[in-house]
């Protein structure tokens, strides 16, 4: 009985050691990615910010935040979002 308990404890310690070493090699989880995109235009005067998603995301996207704090995902090739991004850049620069 003692030998089987000792083997069980030893096995659990080995398992804990093995899983703890695997943690640093886990892939980084992106902070914000988009999987669904809106199909409508948001007026530029309602948009507070527009940020590109990180390169770790499966799809390129722009996260738009409105004055009310709502966030929407927009495809970066939408013509209207390109204009909004330019306007926001001008505001930052000036």
PDB file of N, CA and C in Angstrom:
ATOM      1  N   UNK A   1       0.818  -1.190   0.000  1.00  0.00           N
ATOM      2  CA  UNK A   1       0.000   0.000   0.000  1.00  0.00           C
ATOM      3  C   UNK A   1       0.866   1.260   0.000  1.00  0.00           C
ATOM      4  N   UNK A   2       1.934   1.264   0.789  1.00  0.00           N
ATOM      5  CA  UNK A   2       2.809   2.434   0.855  1.00  0.00           C
ATOM      6  C   UNK A   2       3.502   2.684  -0.469  1.00  0.00           C
ATOM      7  N   UNK A   3       3.902   1.636  -1.144  1.00  0.00           N
ATOM      8  CA  UNK A   3       4.615   1.781  -2.412  1.00  0.00           C
ATOM      9  C   UNK A   3       3.699   2.386  -3.480  1.00  0.00           C
ATOM     10  N   UNK A   4       2.449   1.958  -3.514  1.00  0.00           N
ATOM     11  CA  UNK A   4       1.528   2.501  -4.520  1.00  0.00           C
ATOM     12  C   UNK A   4       1.216   3.967  -4.229  1.00  0.00           C
ATOM     13  N   UNK A   5       1.118   4.357  -2.970  1.00  0.00           N
ATOM     14  CA  UNK A   5       0.887   5.760  -2.609  1.00  0.00           C
ATOM     15  C   UNK A   5       2.093   6.604  -2.995  1.00  0.00           C
ATOM     16  N   UNK A   6       3.273   6.079  -2.717  1.00  0.00           N
ATOM     17  CA  UNK A   6       4.492   6.796  -3.074  1.00  0.00           C
ATOM     18  C   UNK A   6       4.599   6.973  -4.584  1.00  0.00           C
ATOM     19  N   UNK A   7       4.268   5.952  -5.347  1.00  0.00           N
ATOM     20  CA  UNK A   7       4.292   6.051  -6.811  1.00  0.00           C
ATOM     21  C   UNK A   7       3.264   7.071  -7.310  1.00  0.00           C
ATOM     22  N   UNK A   8       2.101   7.094  -6.703  1.00  0.00           N
ATOM     23  CA  UNK A   8       1.065   8.050  -7.093  1.00  0.00           C
ATOM     24  C   UNK A   8       1.531   9.481  -6.837  1.00  0.00           C
ATOM     25  N   UNK A   9       2.098   9.730  -5.666  1.00  0.00           N
ATOM     26  CA  UNK A   9       2.596  11.065  -5.326  1.00  0.00           C
ATOM     27  C   UNK A   9       3.729  11.456  -6.284  1.00  0.00           C
ATOM     28  N   UNK A  10       4.639  10.560  -6.530  1.00  0.00           N
ATOM     29  CA  UNK A  10       5.754  10.830  -7.435  1.00  0.00           C
ATOM     30  C   UNK A  10       5.240  11.140  -8.852  1.00  0.00           C
ATOM     31  N   UNK A  11       4.257  10.393  -9.295  1.00  0.00           N
ATOM     32  CA  UNK A  11       3.660  10.622 -10.616  1.00  0.00           C
ATOM     33  C   UNK A  11       2.995  11.991 -10.709  1.00  0.00           C
ATOM     34  N   UNK A  12       2.291  12.380  -9.652  1.00  0.00           N
ATOM     35  CA  UNK A  12       1.646  13.693  -9.641  1.00  0.00           C
ATOM     36  C   UNK A  12       2.676  14.822  -9.664  1.00  0.00           C
ATOM     37  N   UNK A  13       3.764  14.651  -8.927  1.00  0.00           N
ATOM     38  CA  UNK A  13       4.823  15.666  -8.924  1.00  0.00           C
ATOM     39  C   UNK A  13       5.438  15.782 -10.321  1.00  0.00           C
ATOM     40  N   UNK A  14       5.687  14.664 -10.970  1.00  0.00           N
ATOM     41  CA  UNK A  14       6.218  14.694 -12.335  1.00  0.00           C
ATOM     42  C   UNK A  14       5.251  15.377 -13.295  1.00  0.00           C
ATOM     43  N   UNK A  15       3.973  15.084 -13.153  1.00  0.00           N
ATOM     44  CA  UNK A  15       2.963  15.698 -14.015  1.00  0.00           C
ATOM     45  C   UNK A  15       2.917  17.206 -13.815  1.00  0.00           C
ATOM     46  N   UNK A  16       2.983  17.657 -12.582  1.00  0.00           N
ATOM     47  CA  UNK A  16       2.973  19.098 -12.291  1.00  0.00           C
ATOM     48  C   UNK A  16       4.210  19.773 -12.862  1.00  0.00           C
ATOM     49  N   UNK A  17       5.348  19.138 -12.758  1.00  0.00           N
ATOM     50  CA  UNK A  17       6.593  19.689 -13.293  1.00  0.00           C
ATOM     51  C   UNK A  17       6.530  19.783 -14.804  1.00  0.00           C
ATOM     52  N   UNK A  18       6.018  18.772 -15.442  1.00  0.00           N
ATOM     53  CA  UNK A  18       5.931  18.743 -16.896  1.00  0.00           C
ATOM     54  C   UNK A  18       4.980  19.820 -17.416  1.00  0.00           C
ATOM     55  N   UNK A  19       3.824  19.982 -16.790  1.00  0.00           N
ATOM     56  CA  UNK A  19       2.855  20.978 -17.260  1.00  0.00           C
ATOM     57  C   UNK A  19       3.312  22.396 -16.961  1.00  0.00           C
ATOM     58  N   UNK A  20       4.050  22.624 -15.893  1.00  0.00           N
ATOM     59  CA  UNK A  20       4.505  23.980 -15.589  1.00  0.00           C
ATOM     60  C   UNK A  20       5.570  24.441 -16.575  1.00  0.00           C
ATOM     61  N   UNK A  21       6.355  23.519 -17.136  1.00  0.00           N
ATOM     62  CA  UNK A  21       7.358  23.893 -18.126  1.00  0.00           C
ATOM     63  C   UNK A  21       6.730  24.184 -19.478  1.00  0.00           C
ATOM     64  N   UNK A  22       5.552  23.671 -19.723  1.00  0.00           N
ATOM     65  CA  UNK A  22       4.890  23.902 -20.999  1.00  0.00           C
ATOM     66  C   UNK A  22       4.287  25.299 -21.066  1.00  0.00           C
ATOM     67  N   UNK A  23       4.003  25.920 -19.960  1.00  0.00           N
ATOM     68  CA  UNK A  23       3.329  27.218 -19.931  1.00  0.00           C
ATOM     69  C   UNK A  23       4.099  28.328 -20.645  1.00  0.00           C
ATOM     70  N   UNK A  24       5.410  28.483 -20.463  1.00  0.00           N
ATOM     71  CA  UNK A  24       6.096  29.587 -21.140  1.00  0.00           C
ATOM     72  C   UNK A  24       6.103  29.470 -22.657  1.00  0.00           C
ATOM     73  N   UNK A  25       5.878  28.284 -23.177  1.00  0.00           N
ATOM     74  CA  UNK A  25       5.910  28.075 -24.618  1.00  0.00           C
ATOM     75  C   UNK A  25       4.538  28.221 -25.264  1.00  0.00           C
ATOM     76  N   UNK A  26       3.522  28.538 -24.464  1.00  0.00           N
ATOM     77  CA  UNK A  26       2.178  28.694 -25.005  1.00  0.00           C
ATOM     78  C   UNK A  26       2.127  29.935 -25.896  1.00  0.00           C
ATOM     79  N   UNK A  27       1.354  29.883 -26.980  1.00  0.00           N
ATOM     80  CA  UNK A  27       1.281  31.042 -27.874  1.00  0.00           C
ATOM     81  C   UNK A  27       0.610  32.227 -27.180  1.00  0.00           C
ATOM     82  N   UNK A  28       1.054  33.415 -27.552  1.00  0.00           N
ATOM     83  CA  UNK A  28       0.472  34.633 -26.987  1.00  0.00           C
ATOM     84  C   UNK A  28      -0.949  34.801 -27.517  1.00  0.00           C
ATOM     85  N   UNK A  29      -1.839  35.193 -26.651  1.00  0.00           N
ATOM     86  CA  UNK A  29      -3.227  35.428 -27.036  1.00  0.00           C
ATOM     87  C   UNK A  29      -3.377  36.912 -27.356  1.00  0.00           C
ATOM     88  N   UNK A  30      -3.825  37.239 -28.552  1.00  0.00           N
ATOM     89  CA  UNK A  30      -3.996  38.647 -28.887  1.00  0.00           C
ATOM     90  C   UNK A  30      -5.025  39.310 -27.988  1.00  0.00           C
ATOM     91  N   UNK A  31      -4.787  40.584 -27.717  1.00  0.00           N
ATOM     92  CA  UNK A  31      -5.690  41.301 -26.825  1.00  0.00           C
ATOM     93  C   UNK A  31      -7.058  41.528 -27.467  1.00  0.00           C
ATOM     94  N   UNK A  32      -7.071  41.850 -28.755  1.00  0.00           N
ATOM     95  CA  UNK A  32      -8.333  42.190 -29.405  1.00  0.00           C
ATOM     96  C   UNK A  32      -8.295  41.747 -30.863  1.00  0.00           C
ATOM     97  N   UNK A  33      -9.209  40.857 -31.239  1.00  0.00           N
ATOM     98  CA  UNK A  33      -9.333  40.403 -32.624  1.00  0.00           C
ATOM     99  C   UNK A  33     -10.791  40.510 -33.050  1.00  0.00           C
ATOM    100  N   UNK A  34     -11.006  40.553 -34.357  1.00  0.00           N
ATOM    101  CA  UNK A  34     -12.363  40.639 -34.903  1.00  0.00           C
ATOM    102  C   UNK A  34     -12.698  39.372 -35.687  1.00  0.00           C
ATOM    103  N   UNK A  35     -13.914  38.890 -35.478  1.00  0.00           N
ATOM    104  CA  UNK A  35     -14.376  37.709 -36.200  1.00  0.00           C
ATOM    105  C   UNK A  35     -15.669  37.995 -36.966  1.00  0.00           C
ATOM    106  N   UNK A  36     -16.391  39.030 -36.550  1.00  0.00           N
ATOM    107  CA  UNK A  36     -17.608  39.463 -37.227  1.00  0.00           C
ATOM    108  C   UNK A  36     -17.468  40.952 -37.554  1.00  0.00           C
ATOM    109  N   UNK A  37     -17.942  41.335 -38.727  1.00  0.00           N
ATOM    110  CA  UNK A  37     -17.774  42.703 -39.187  1.00  0.00           C
ATOM    111  C   UNK A  37     -19.127  43.350 -39.458  1.00  0.00           C
ATOM    112  N   UNK A  38     -19.218  44.650 -39.204  1.00  0.00           N
ATOM    113  CA  UNK A  38     -20.462  45.358 -39.461  1.00  0.00           C
ATOM    114  C   UNK A  38     -20.620  45.580 -40.962  1.00  0.00           C
ATOM    115  N   UNK A  39     -21.852  45.718 -41.390  1.00  0.00           N
ATOM    116  CA  UNK A  39     -22.144  45.928 -42.800  1.00  0.00           C
ATOM    117  C   UNK A  39     -22.710  47.308 -43.059  1.00  0.00           C
ATOM    118  N   UNK A  40     -22.496  48.243 -42.149  1.00  0.00           N
ATOM    119  CA  UNK A  40     -23.022  49.590 -42.314  1.00  0.00           C
ATOM    120  C   UNK A  40     -21.937  50.617 -42.006  1.00  0.00           C
ATOM    121  N   UNK A  41     -22.165  51.821 -42.482  1.00  0.00           N
ATOM    122  CA  UNK A  41     -21.215  52.906 -42.299  1.00  0.00           C
ATOM    123  C   UNK A  41     -21.545  53.665 -41.012  1.00  0.00           C
ATOM    124  N   UNK A  42     -20.504  54.004 -40.264  1.00  0.00           N
ATOM    125  CA  UNK A  42     -20.669  54.823 -39.064  1.00  0.00           C
ATOM    126  C   UNK A  42     -20.224  56.236 -39.432  1.00  0.00           C
ATOM    127  N   UNK A  43     -21.047  57.239 -39.140  1.00  0.00           N
ATOM    128  CA  UNK A  43     -20.643  58.613 -39.457  1.00  0.00           C
ATOM    129  C   UNK A  43     -19.334  58.982 -38.756  1.00  0.00           C
ATOM    130  N   UNK A  44     -18.449  59.635 -39.489  1.00  0.00           N
ATOM    131  CA  UNK A  44     -17.137  59.996 -38.961  1.00  0.00           C
ATOM    132  C   UNK A  44     -17.183  60.832 -37.705  1.00  0.00           C
ATOM    133  N   UNK A  45     -18.205  61.699 -37.569  1.00  0.00           N
ATOM    134  CA  UNK A  45     -18.295  62.554 -36.380  1.00  0.00           C
ATOM    135  C   UNK A  45     -18.718  61.786 -35.126  1.00  0.00           C
ATOM    136  N   UNK A  46     -19.137  60.540 -35.278  1.00  0.00           N
ATOM    137  CA  UNK A  46     -19.526  59.694 -34.141  1.00  0.00           C
ATOM    138  C   UNK A  46     -18.379  58.818 -33.645  1.00  0.00           C
ATOM    139  N   UNK A  47     -17.269  58.788 -34.407  1.00  0.00           N
ATOM    140  CA  UNK A  47     -16.147  57.907 -34.093  1.00  0.00           C
ATOM    141  C   UNK A  47     -15.110  58.648 -33.257  1.00  0.00           C
ATOM    142  N   UNK A  48     -14.754  58.046 -32.130  1.00  0.00           N
ATOM    143  CA  UNK A  48     -13.755  58.610 -31.231  1.00  0.00           C
ATOM    144  C   UNK A  48     -12.367  58.070 -31.569  1.00  0.00           C
ATOM    145  N   UNK A  49     -12.284  56.772 -31.867  1.00  0.00           N
ATOM    146  CA  UNK A  49     -10.999  56.164 -32.210  1.00  0.00           C
ATOM    147  C   UNK A  49     -11.204  55.007 -33.175  1.00  0.00           C
ATOM    148  N   UNK A  50     -10.136  54.701 -33.898  1.00  0.00           N
ATOM    149  CA  UNK A  50     -10.122  53.561 -34.820  1.00  0.00           C
ATOM    150  C   UNK A  50      -8.720  52.978 -34.771  1.00  0.00           C
ATOM    151  N   UNK A  51      -8.624  51.720 -34.349  1.00  0.00           N
ATOM    152  CA  UNK A  51      -7.321  51.071 -34.176  1.00  0.00           C
ATOM    153  C   UNK A  51      -7.258  49.767 -34.960  1.00  0.00           C
ATOM    154  N   UNK A  52      -6.120  49.543 -35.595  1.00  0.00           N
ATOM    155  CA  UNK A  52      -5.907  48.283 -36.306  1.00  0.00           C
ATOM    156  C   UNK A  52      -5.681  47.169 -35.296  1.00  0.00           C
ATOM    157  N   UNK A  53      -6.165  45.981 -35.636  1.00  0.00           N
ATOM    158  CA  UNK A  53      -5.906  44.825 -34.782  1.00  0.00           C
ATOM    159  C   UNK A  53      -4.472  44.368 -34.987  1.00  0.00           C
ATOM    160  N   UNK A  54      -3.969  43.593 -34.043  1.00  0.00           N
ATOM    161  CA  UNK A  54      -2.594  43.123 -34.097  1.00  0.00           C
ATOM    162  C   UNK A  54      -2.363  42.084 -35.174  1.00  0.00           C
ATOM    163  N   UNK A  55      -1.113  41.856 -35.481  1.00  0.00           N
ATOM    164  CA  UNK A  55      -0.749  40.881 -36.508  1.00  0.00           C
ATOM    165  C   UNK A  55      -0.984  39.438 -36.049  1.00  0.00           C
ATOM    166  N   UNK A  56      -1.223  39.243 -34.742  1.00  0.00           N
ATOM    167  CA  UNK A  56      -1.512  37.899 -34.229  1.00  0.00           C
ATOM    168  C   UNK A  56      -2.943  37.454 -34.537  1.00  0.00           C
ATOM    169  N   UNK A  57      -3.784  38.377 -34.934  1.00  0.00           N
ATOM    170  CA  UNK A  57      -5.186  38.050 -35.230  1.00  0.00           C
ATOM    171  C   UNK A  57      -5.286  37.331 -36.572  1.00  0.00           C
ATOM    172  N   UNK A  58      -6.259  36.437 -36.714  1.00  0.00           N
ATOM    173  CA  UNK A  58      -6.394  35.695 -37.966  1.00  0.00           C
ATOM    174  C   UNK A  58      -6.830  36.558 -39.145  1.00  0.00           C
ATOM    175  N   UNK A  59      -7.554  37.663 -38.873  1.00  0.00           N
ATOM    176  CA  UNK A  59      -8.007  38.552 -39.939  1.00  0.00           C
ATOM    177  C   UNK A  59      -7.636  39.986 -39.593  1.00  0.00           C
ATOM    178  N   UNK A  60      -7.199  40.730 -40.591  1.00  0.00           N
ATOM    179  CA  UNK A  60      -6.925  42.150 -40.389  1.00  0.00           C
ATOM    180  C   UNK A  60      -8.257  42.872 -40.201  1.00  0.00           C
ATOM    181  N   UNK A  61      -8.285  43.817 -39.269  1.00  0.00           N
ATOM    182  CA  UNK A  61      -9.518  44.550 -38.997  1.00  0.00           C
ATOM    183  C   UNK A  61      -9.193  45.871 -38.326  1.00  0.00           C
ATOM    184  N   UNK A  62     -10.205  46.721 -38.248  1.00  0.00           N
ATOM    185  CA  UNK A  62     -10.105  47.981 -37.534  1.00  0.00           C
ATOM    186  C   UNK A  62     -11.221  48.004 -36.498  1.00  0.00           C
ATOM    187  N   UNK A  63     -10.847  48.265 -35.251  1.00  0.00           N
ATOM    188  CA  UNK A  63     -11.830  48.357 -34.168  1.00  0.00           C
ATOM    189  C   UNK A  63     -12.173  49.828 -34.001  1.00  0.00           C
ATOM    190  N   UNK A  64     -13.427  50.146 -34.249  1.00  0.00           N
ATOM    191  CA  UNK A  64     -13.918  51.520 -34.170  1.00  0.00           C
ATOM    192  C   UNK A  64     -14.664  51.701 -32.855  1.00  0.00           C
ATOM    193  N   UNK A  65     -14.337  52.775 -32.134  1.00  0.00           N
ATOM    194  CA  UNK A  65     -15.027  53.107 -30.888  1.00  0.00           C
ATOM    195  C   UNK A  65     -15.831  54.382 -31.110  1.00  0.00           C
ATOM    196  N   UNK A  66     -17.117  54.338 -30.751  1.00  0.00           N
ATOM    197  CA  UNK A  66     -17.988  55.494 -30.935  1.00  0.00           C
ATOM    198  C   UNK A  66     -18.017  56.357 -29.676  1.00  0.00           C
ATOM    199  N   UNK A  67     -18.672  57.500 -29.779  1.00  0.00           N
ATOM    200  CA  UNK A  67     -18.807  58.420 -28.653  1.00  0.00           C
ATOM    201  C   UNK A  67     -19.510  57.763 -27.464  1.00  0.00           C
ATOM    202  N   UNK A  68     -20.391  56.822 -27.737  1.00  0.00           N
ATOM    203  CA  UNK A  68     -21.124  56.127 -26.670  1.00  0.00           C
ATOM    204  C   UNK A  68     -20.326  54.978 -26.065  1.00  0.00           C
ATOM    205  N   UNK A  69     -19.109  54.756 -26.573  1.00  0.00           N
ATOM    206  CA  UNK A  69     -18.267  53.687 -26.050  1.00  0.00           C
ATOM    207  C   UNK A  69     -18.497  52.338 -26.692  1.00  0.00           C
ATOM    208  N   UNK A  70     -19.306  52.284 -27.723  1.00  0.00           N
ATOM    209  CA  UNK A  70     -19.553  51.029 -28.428  1.00  0.00           C
ATOM    210  C   UNK A  70     -18.384  50.732 -29.363  1.00  0.00           C
ATOM    211  N   UNK A  71     -18.054  49.470 -29.486  1.00  0.00           N
ATOM    212  CA  UNK A  71     -16.964  49.050 -30.366  1.00  0.00           C
ATOM    213  C   UNK A  71     -17.506  48.184 -31.492  1.00  0.00           C
ATOM    214  N   UNK A  72     -17.021  48.465 -32.705  1.00  0.00           N
ATOM    215  CA  UNK A  72     -17.434  47.722 -33.884  1.00  0.00           C
ATOM    216  C   UNK A  72     -16.197  47.302 -34.671  1.00  0.00           C
ATOM    217  N   UNK A  73     -16.298  46.151 -35.311  1.00  0.00           N
ATOM    218  CA  UNK A  73     -15.226  45.667 -36.171  1.00  0.00           C
ATOM    219  C   UNK A  73     -15.550  46.009 -37.614  1.00  0.00           C
ATOM    220  N   UNK A  74     -14.559  46.591 -38.292  1.00  0.00           N
ATOM    221  CA  UNK A  74     -14.737  47.019 -39.679  1.00  0.00           C
ATOM    222  C   UNK A  74     -13.615  46.416 -40.519  1.00  0.00           C
ATOM    223  N   UNK A  75     -13.964  45.987 -41.720  1.00  0.00           N
ATOM    224  CA  UNK A  75     -12.944  45.491 -42.646  1.00  0.00           C
ATOM    225  C   UNK A  75     -12.084  46.667 -43.086  1.00  0.00           C
ATOM    226  N   UNK A  76     -10.762  46.502 -43.085  1.00  0.00           N
ATOM    227  CA  UNK A  76      -9.874  47.630 -43.393  1.00  0.00           C
ATOM    228  C   UNK A  76      -9.939  48.116 -44.836  1.00  0.00           C
ATOM    229  N   UNK A  77     -10.526  47.330 -45.741  1.00  0.00           N
ATOM    230  CA  UNK A  77     -10.609  47.755 -47.134  1.00  0.00           C
ATOM    231  C   UNK A  77     -11.878  48.557 -47.449  1.00  0.00           C
ATOM    232  N   UNK A  78     -12.698  48.831 -46.427  1.00  0.00           N
ATOM    233  CA  UNK A  78     -13.894  49.660 -46.629  1.00  0.00           C
ATOM    234  C   UNK A  78     -13.461  51.096 -46.934  1.00  0.00           C
ATOM    235  N   UNK A  79     -13.953  51.674 -48.018  1.00  0.00           N
ATOM    236  CA  UNK A  79     -13.531  53.037 -48.376  1.00  0.00           C
ATOM    237  C   UNK A  79     -13.830  54.077 -47.293  1.00  0.00           C
ATOM    238  N   UNK A  80     -14.957  53.968 -46.628  1.00  0.00           N
ATOM    239  CA  UNK A  80     -15.315  54.985 -45.628  1.00  0.00           C
ATOM    240  C   UNK A  80     -14.404  54.961 -44.414  1.00  0.00           C
ATOM    241  N   UNK A  81     -13.922  53.767 -44.038  1.00  0.00           N
ATOM    242  CA  UNK A  81     -13.047  53.693 -42.860  1.00  0.00           C
ATOM    243  C   UNK A  81     -11.673  54.252 -43.181  1.00  0.00           C
ATOM    244  N   UNK A  82     -11.248  54.135 -44.430  1.00  0.00           N
ATOM    245  CA  UNK A  82      -9.966  54.725 -44.837  1.00  0.00           C
ATOM    246  C   UNK A  82     -10.009  56.242 -44.654  1.00  0.00           C
ATOM    247  N   UNK A  83     -11.127  56.855 -45.035  1.00  0.00           N
ATOM    248  CA  UNK A  83     -11.278  58.307 -44.874  1.00  0.00           C
ATOM    249  C   UNK A  83     -11.294  58.693 -43.393  1.00  0.00           C
ATOM    250  N   UNK A  84     -11.990  57.900 -42.592  1.00  0.00           N
ATOM    251  CA  UNK A  84     -12.056  58.174 -41.155  1.00  0.00           C
ATOM    252  C   UNK A  84     -10.668  58.066 -40.536  1.00  0.00           C
ATOM    253  N   UNK A  85      -9.911  57.062 -40.917  1.00  0.00           N
ATOM    254  CA  UNK A  85      -8.557  56.886 -40.385  1.00  0.00           C
ATOM    255  C   UNK A  85      -7.688  58.088 -40.743  1.00  0.00           C
ATOM    256  N   UNK A  86      -7.814  58.591 -41.968  1.00  0.00           N
ATOM    257  CA  UNK A  86      -7.052  59.772 -42.380  1.00  0.00           C
ATOM    258  C   UNK A  86      -7.437  60.986 -41.537  1.00  0.00           C
ATOM    259  N   UNK A  87      -8.720  61.167 -41.298  1.00  0.00           N
ATOM    260  CA  UNK A  87      -9.197  62.298 -40.509  1.00  0.00           C
ATOM    261  C   UNK A  87      -8.674  62.211 -39.071  1.00  0.00           C
ATOM    262  N   UNK A  88      -8.685  61.022 -38.501  1.00  0.00           N
ATOM    263  CA  UNK A  88      -8.198  60.842 -37.135  1.00  0.00           C
ATOM    264  C   UNK A  88      -6.694  61.115 -37.051  1.00  0.00           C
ATOM    265  N   UNK A  89      -5.950  60.723 -38.076  1.00  0.00           N
ATOM    266  CA  UNK A  89      -4.508  60.995 -38.123  1.00  0.00           C
ATOM    267  C   UNK A  89      -4.238  62.496 -38.173  1.00  0.00           C
ATOM    268  N   UNK A  90      -5.051  63.209 -38.964  1.00  0.00           N
ATOM    269  CA  UNK A  90      -4.900  64.669 -39.065  1.00  0.00           C
ATOM    270  C   UNK A  90      -5.166  65.331 -37.709  1.00  0.00           C
ATOM    271  N   UNK A  91      -6.165  64.823 -36.983  1.00  0.00           N
ATOM    272  CA  UNK A  91      -6.478  65.376 -35.663  1.00  0.00           C
ATOM    273  C   UNK A  91      -5.326  65.165 -34.688  1.00  0.00           C
ATOM    274  N   UNK A  92      -4.711  63.997 -34.770  1.00  0.00           N
ATOM    275  CA  UNK A  92      -3.569  63.697 -33.891  1.00  0.00           C
ATOM    276  C   UNK A  92      -2.387  64.603 -34.200  1.00  0.00           C
ATOM    277  N   UNK A  93      -2.140  64.818 -35.496  1.00  0.00           N
ATOM    278  CA  UNK A  93      -0.990  65.613 -35.922  1.00  0.00           C
ATOM    279  C   UNK A  93      -1.199  67.117 -35.631  1.00  0.00           C
ATOM    280  N   UNK A  94      -2.433  67.560 -35.714  1.00  0.00           N
ATOM    281  CA  UNK A  94      -2.684  69.006 -35.573  1.00  0.00           C
ATOM    282  C   UNK A  94      -3.207  69.442 -34.282  1.00  0.00           C
TER     283      UNK A  94
END
